[in-house]
Amino acid sequence: MAFLVEMPDGGFIEVEERDDLDLPEGACGALGASPLEGTTLITFGAAVRTGLSVEEQDDFADWLYDRVVLFAELGGQVDGWSLRDDGTWMIHAYAGDSDERH
């Protein structure tokens, strides 16, 4: 585990630090969302590439928090999420990401 990000509901998302991530060029991490079958609940998972500075981890945590809140409010059809063939959603984070770039 690299670090925890506190969510609005008081829970936490554990962010894994991994060196085997298959990320697009320039991406520093990814966030996934998976609906729990038969419920209205969504689980989230996140991973970042190894070697991020503390500042980059903080930036990723802020980005992750915003993406989770927006997904909960608006769903995955907006905000740059990609729907995968298995019914899960994914979005990539890039160093220096702003709300306009996903």
N, C-alpha and C. Protein backbone atom coordinates (compact mmCIF):
# COMPACT_ATOMS: atom_id res chain seq x y z
N MET A 1 0.84 -1.18 0.00
CA MET A 1 0.00 0.00 0.00
C MET A 1 0.89 1.24 0.00
N ALA A 2 0.56 2.19 -0.81
CA ALA A 2 1.29 3.44 -0.84
C ALA A 2 0.70 4.43 0.17
N PHE A 3 -0.64 4.63 0.12
CA PHE A 3 -1.28 5.59 1.02
C PHE A 3 -2.79 5.40 0.98
N LEU A 4 -3.48 6.03 1.93
CA LEU A 4 -4.93 6.00 2.02
C LEU A 4 -5.48 7.36 1.66
N VAL A 5 -6.67 7.38 1.03
CA VAL A 5 -7.35 8.63 0.72
C VAL A 5 -8.70 8.58 1.41
N GLU A 6 -8.96 9.56 2.29
CA GLU A 6 -10.25 9.60 2.99
C GLU A 6 -11.34 10.09 2.05
N MET A 7 -12.49 9.44 2.12
CA MET A 7 -13.63 9.77 1.28
C MET A 7 -14.68 10.53 2.08
N PRO A 8 -15.66 11.14 1.39
CA PRO A 8 -16.68 11.94 2.08
C PRO A 8 -17.48 11.15 3.11
N ASP A 9 -17.65 9.85 2.90
CA ASP A 9 -18.45 9.04 3.82
C ASP A 9 -17.65 8.58 5.04
N GLY A 10 -16.39 9.02 5.14
CA GLY A 10 -15.55 8.63 6.26
C GLY A 10 -14.74 7.38 6.00
N GLY A 11 -15.01 6.71 4.88
CA GLY A 11 -14.23 5.54 4.51
C GLY A 11 -12.92 5.95 3.84
N PHE A 12 -12.16 4.95 3.45
CA PHE A 12 -10.87 5.20 2.81
C PHE A 12 -10.72 4.34 1.57
N ILE A 13 -10.00 4.86 0.58
CA ILE A 13 -9.57 4.07 -0.57
C ILE A 13 -8.08 3.84 -0.41
N GLU A 14 -7.69 2.58 -0.47
CA GLU A 14 -6.29 2.23 -0.40
C GLU A 14 -5.69 2.34 -1.80
N VAL A 15 -4.64 3.14 -1.93
CA VAL A 15 -3.97 3.33 -3.21
C VAL A 15 -2.72 2.45 -3.21
N GLU A 16 -2.68 1.53 -4.16
CA GLU A 16 -1.52 0.65 -4.29
C GLU A 16 -0.42 1.35 -5.08
N GLU A 17 0.81 1.13 -4.68
CA GLU A 17 1.96 1.61 -5.43
C GLU A 17 2.55 0.41 -6.14
N ARG A 18 2.58 0.46 -7.49
CA ARG A 18 3.02 -0.71 -8.27
C ARG A 18 3.94 -0.28 -9.40
N ASP A 19 4.89 -1.16 -9.71
CA ASP A 19 5.80 -0.87 -10.82
C ASP A 19 5.45 -1.68 -12.06
N ASP A 20 4.36 -2.45 -12.00
CA ASP A 20 3.96 -3.27 -13.15
C ASP A 20 2.67 -2.79 -13.80
N LEU A 21 2.30 -1.53 -13.58
CA LEU A 21 1.08 -1.00 -14.17
C LEU A 21 1.24 -0.79 -15.67
N ASP A 22 0.22 -1.12 -16.41
CA ASP A 22 0.21 -0.89 -17.85
C ASP A 22 -0.58 0.40 -18.08
N LEU A 23 0.12 1.53 -18.01
CA LEU A 23 -0.52 2.84 -18.13
C LEU A 23 -0.16 3.49 -19.45
N PRO A 24 -1.05 4.36 -19.96
CA PRO A 24 -0.71 5.12 -21.15
C PRO A 24 0.46 6.06 -20.88
N GLU A 25 1.11 6.48 -21.94
CA GLU A 25 2.24 7.41 -21.84
C GLU A 25 1.85 8.63 -21.01
N GLY A 26 2.65 8.95 -20.01
CA GLY A 26 2.44 10.12 -19.18
C GLY A 26 1.50 9.93 -18.00
N ALA A 27 0.80 8.80 -17.93
CA ALA A 27 -0.11 8.56 -16.82
C ALA A 27 0.67 8.17 -15.57
N CYS A 28 0.22 8.66 -14.42
CA CYS A 28 0.88 8.33 -13.16
C CYS A 28 0.06 7.37 -12.32
N GLY A 29 -1.20 7.13 -12.70
CA GLY A 29 -2.03 6.23 -11.94
C GLY A 29 -3.38 6.02 -12.60
N ALA A 30 -4.19 5.19 -11.95
CA ALA A 30 -5.51 4.88 -12.49
C ALA A 30 -6.49 4.65 -11.34
N LEU A 31 -7.75 4.91 -11.64
CA LEU A 31 -8.84 4.68 -10.70
C LEU A 31 -9.88 3.83 -11.41
N GLY A 32 -10.33 2.79 -10.73
CA GLY A 32 -11.35 1.92 -11.29
C GLY A 32 -12.59 1.93 -10.42
N ALA A 33 -13.75 1.73 -11.06
CA ALA A 33 -15.03 1.66 -10.36
C ALA A 33 -15.76 0.41 -10.82
N SER A 34 -16.31 -0.31 -9.87
CA SER A 34 -17.00 -1.56 -10.18
C SER A 34 -18.32 -1.62 -9.43
N PRO A 35 -19.44 -1.72 -10.17
CA PRO A 35 -20.73 -1.84 -9.49
C PRO A 35 -20.86 -3.21 -8.82
N LEU A 36 -21.42 -3.22 -7.63
CA LEU A 36 -21.68 -4.49 -6.93
C LEU A 36 -23.02 -5.02 -7.43
N GLU A 37 -22.99 -6.17 -8.06
CA GLU A 37 -24.17 -6.74 -8.69
C GLU A 37 -25.33 -6.86 -7.71
N GLY A 38 -26.50 -6.43 -8.16
CA GLY A 38 -27.70 -6.53 -7.35
C GLY A 38 -27.87 -5.41 -6.33
N THR A 39 -26.97 -4.43 -6.36
CA THR A 39 -27.06 -3.30 -5.43
C THR A 39 -26.86 -2.00 -6.20
N THR A 40 -26.97 -0.90 -5.50
CA THR A 40 -26.66 0.41 -6.09
C THR A 40 -25.29 0.89 -5.64
N LEU A 41 -24.51 -0.01 -5.04
CA LEU A 41 -23.19 0.35 -4.51
C LEU A 41 -22.10 0.20 -5.57
N ILE A 42 -21.07 1.00 -5.43
CA ILE A 42 -19.90 0.97 -6.31
C ILE A 42 -18.67 0.80 -5.44
N THR A 43 -17.75 -0.07 -5.85
CA THR A 43 -16.46 -0.16 -5.17
C THR A 43 -15.41 0.51 -6.06
N PHE A 44 -14.43 1.11 -5.43
CA PHE A 44 -13.36 1.80 -6.14
C PHE A 44 -12.02 1.20 -5.77
N GLY A 45 -11.11 1.18 -6.72
CA GLY A 45 -9.74 0.75 -6.49
C GLY A 45 -8.81 1.67 -7.24
N ALA A 46 -7.63 1.91 -6.67
CA ALA A 46 -6.69 2.85 -7.28
C ALA A 46 -5.27 2.34 -7.17
N ALA A 47 -4.47 2.71 -8.16
CA ALA A 47 -3.04 2.35 -8.16
C ALA A 47 -2.25 3.48 -8.80
N VAL A 48 -1.03 3.66 -8.32
CA VAL A 48 -0.11 4.64 -8.88
C VAL A 48 1.20 3.94 -9.20
N ARG A 49 1.96 4.54 -10.11
CA ARG A 49 3.27 3.99 -10.41
C ARG A 49 4.19 4.26 -9.23
N THR A 50 5.19 3.42 -9.06
CA THR A 50 6.13 3.61 -7.96
C THR A 50 6.97 4.87 -8.19
N GLY A 51 7.46 5.43 -7.11
CA GLY A 51 8.38 6.54 -7.21
C GLY A 51 7.76 7.92 -7.22
N LEU A 52 6.46 8.05 -6.96
CA LEU A 52 5.87 9.38 -6.91
C LEU A 52 6.36 10.12 -5.67
N SER A 53 6.59 11.40 -5.82
CA SER A 53 6.97 12.22 -4.67
C SER A 53 5.75 12.40 -3.77
N VAL A 54 5.99 12.89 -2.57
CA VAL A 54 4.88 13.15 -1.64
C VAL A 54 3.91 14.15 -2.25
N GLU A 55 4.42 15.17 -2.92
CA GLU A 55 3.56 16.16 -3.57
C GLU A 55 2.71 15.51 -4.67
N GLU A 56 3.32 14.63 -5.47
CA GLU A 56 2.56 13.94 -6.52
C GLU A 56 1.51 13.02 -5.92
N GLN A 57 1.83 12.36 -4.81
CA GLN A 57 0.84 11.52 -4.13
C GLN A 57 -0.32 12.37 -3.62
N ASP A 58 -0.02 13.54 -3.06
CA ASP A 58 -1.07 14.45 -2.59
C ASP A 58 -1.95 14.91 -3.75
N ASP A 59 -1.33 15.24 -4.89
CA ASP A 59 -2.09 15.65 -6.07
C ASP A 59 -2.99 14.52 -6.56
N PHE A 60 -2.44 13.29 -6.57
CA PHE A 60 -3.24 12.15 -7.00
C PHE A 60 -4.41 11.94 -6.03
N ALA A 61 -4.15 12.06 -4.74
CA ALA A 61 -5.22 11.89 -3.74
C ALA A 61 -6.33 12.90 -3.95
N ASP A 62 -5.98 14.16 -4.22
CA ASP A 62 -6.99 15.19 -4.49
C ASP A 62 -7.77 14.87 -5.75
N TRP A 63 -7.07 14.45 -6.80
CA TRP A 63 -7.71 14.08 -8.07
C TRP A 63 -8.65 12.90 -7.85
N LEU A 64 -8.19 11.88 -7.13
CA LEU A 64 -8.98 10.69 -6.86
C LEU A 64 -10.26 11.05 -6.11
N TYR A 65 -10.13 11.86 -5.08
CA TYR A 65 -11.29 12.28 -4.29
C TYR A 65 -12.33 12.94 -5.20
N ASP A 66 -11.88 13.88 -6.03
CA ASP A 66 -12.80 14.58 -6.93
C ASP A 66 -13.47 13.63 -7.92
N ARG A 67 -12.71 12.68 -8.46
CA ARG A 67 -13.28 11.73 -9.42
C ARG A 67 -14.33 10.83 -8.77
N VAL A 68 -14.08 10.38 -7.55
CA VAL A 68 -15.05 9.52 -6.84
C VAL A 68 -16.34 10.30 -6.57
N VAL A 69 -16.20 11.54 -6.10
CA VAL A 69 -17.38 12.35 -5.81
C VAL A 69 -18.19 12.59 -7.09
N LEU A 70 -17.51 12.95 -8.18
CA LEU A 70 -18.22 13.19 -9.43
C LEU A 70 -18.86 11.92 -9.98
N PHE A 71 -18.18 10.77 -9.84
CA PHE A 71 -18.76 9.51 -10.29
C PHE A 71 -20.02 9.21 -9.49
N ALA A 72 -19.98 9.43 -8.20
CA ALA A 72 -21.15 9.17 -7.35
C ALA A 72 -22.31 10.09 -7.72
N GLU A 73 -22.01 11.33 -8.09
CA GLU A 73 -23.05 12.29 -8.41
C GLU A 73 -23.59 12.14 -9.83
N LEU A 74 -22.69 11.88 -10.79
CA LEU A 74 -23.06 11.94 -12.20
C LEU A 74 -22.98 10.62 -12.95
N GLY A 75 -22.34 9.63 -12.35
CA GLY A 75 -22.12 8.37 -13.05
C GLY A 75 -20.87 8.44 -13.91
N GLY A 76 -20.55 7.32 -14.55
CA GLY A 76 -19.33 7.24 -15.33
C GLY A 76 -19.44 7.76 -16.75
N GLN A 77 -20.64 8.10 -17.19
CA GLN A 77 -20.81 8.54 -18.57
C GLN A 77 -20.18 9.90 -18.84
N VAL A 78 -19.85 10.62 -17.81
CA VAL A 78 -19.22 11.94 -17.95
C VAL A 78 -17.89 11.93 -17.22
N ASP A 79 -17.13 12.95 -17.34
CA ASP A 79 -15.89 13.14 -16.58
C ASP A 79 -14.73 12.29 -17.07
N GLY A 80 -14.79 11.76 -18.29
CA GLY A 80 -13.65 11.07 -18.87
C GLY A 80 -13.48 9.60 -18.53
N TRP A 81 -14.44 8.98 -17.86
CA TRP A 81 -14.36 7.56 -17.54
C TRP A 81 -14.55 6.72 -18.79
N SER A 82 -13.89 5.56 -18.85
CA SER A 82 -14.07 4.60 -19.95
C SER A 82 -14.78 3.38 -19.40
N LEU A 83 -15.86 2.99 -20.06
CA LEU A 83 -16.57 1.77 -19.70
C LEU A 83 -15.87 0.59 -20.37
N ARG A 84 -15.48 -0.38 -19.57
CA ARG A 84 -14.76 -1.55 -20.08
C ARG A 84 -15.74 -2.67 -20.41
N ASP A 85 -15.28 -3.64 -21.17
CA ASP A 85 -16.13 -4.75 -21.60
C ASP A 85 -16.72 -5.55 -20.44
N ASP A 86 -16.03 -5.56 -19.30
CA ASP A 86 -16.51 -6.33 -18.15
C ASP A 86 -17.50 -5.57 -17.27
N GLY A 87 -17.91 -4.35 -17.69
CA GLY A 87 -18.88 -3.57 -16.94
C GLY A 87 -18.28 -2.66 -15.89
N THR A 88 -16.94 -2.65 -15.78
CA THR A 88 -16.28 -1.74 -14.84
C THR A 88 -15.88 -0.47 -15.58
N TRP A 89 -15.52 0.54 -14.80
CA TRP A 89 -15.12 1.83 -15.34
C TRP A 89 -13.68 2.12 -14.96
N MET A 90 -12.96 2.88 -15.81
CA MET A 90 -11.58 3.25 -15.49
C MET A 90 -11.29 4.65 -16.02
N ILE A 91 -10.44 5.35 -15.26
CA ILE A 91 -9.97 6.66 -15.67
C ILE A 91 -8.50 6.76 -15.25
N HIS A 92 -7.69 7.40 -16.09
CA HIS A 92 -6.26 7.54 -15.81
C HIS A 92 -5.95 8.95 -15.30
N ALA A 93 -4.95 9.02 -14.44
CA ALA A 93 -4.48 10.31 -13.92
C ALA A 93 -3.12 10.60 -14.55
N TYR A 94 -2.90 11.86 -14.86
CA TYR A 94 -1.64 12.30 -15.44
C TYR A 94 -1.00 13.32 -14.52
N ALA A 95 0.32 13.30 -14.45
CA ALA A 95 1.04 14.27 -13.62
C ALA A 95 0.61 15.67 -14.06
N GLY A 96 0.29 16.49 -13.08
CA GLY A 96 -0.16 17.84 -13.39
C GLY A 96 -1.60 17.89 -13.86
N ASP A 97 -2.34 16.78 -13.63
CA ASP A 97 -3.74 16.71 -14.06
C ASP A 97 -4.54 17.87 -13.47
N SER A 98 -5.40 18.42 -14.31
CA SER A 98 -6.35 19.41 -13.83
C SER A 98 -7.74 18.85 -14.08
N ASP A 99 -8.75 19.54 -13.63
CA ASP A 99 -10.11 19.05 -13.83
C ASP A 99 -10.48 18.99 -15.31
N GLU A 100 -9.75 19.69 -16.18
CA GLU A 100 -10.09 19.71 -17.59
C GLU A 100 -9.46 18.55 -18.37
N ARG A 101 -8.41 17.91 -17.83
CA ARG A 101 -7.71 16.86 -18.58
C ARG A 101 -7.86 15.53 -17.85
N HIS A 102 -8.18 14.47 -18.59
CA HIS A 102 -8.37 13.15 -17.96
C HIS A 102 -7.62 12.10 -18.72
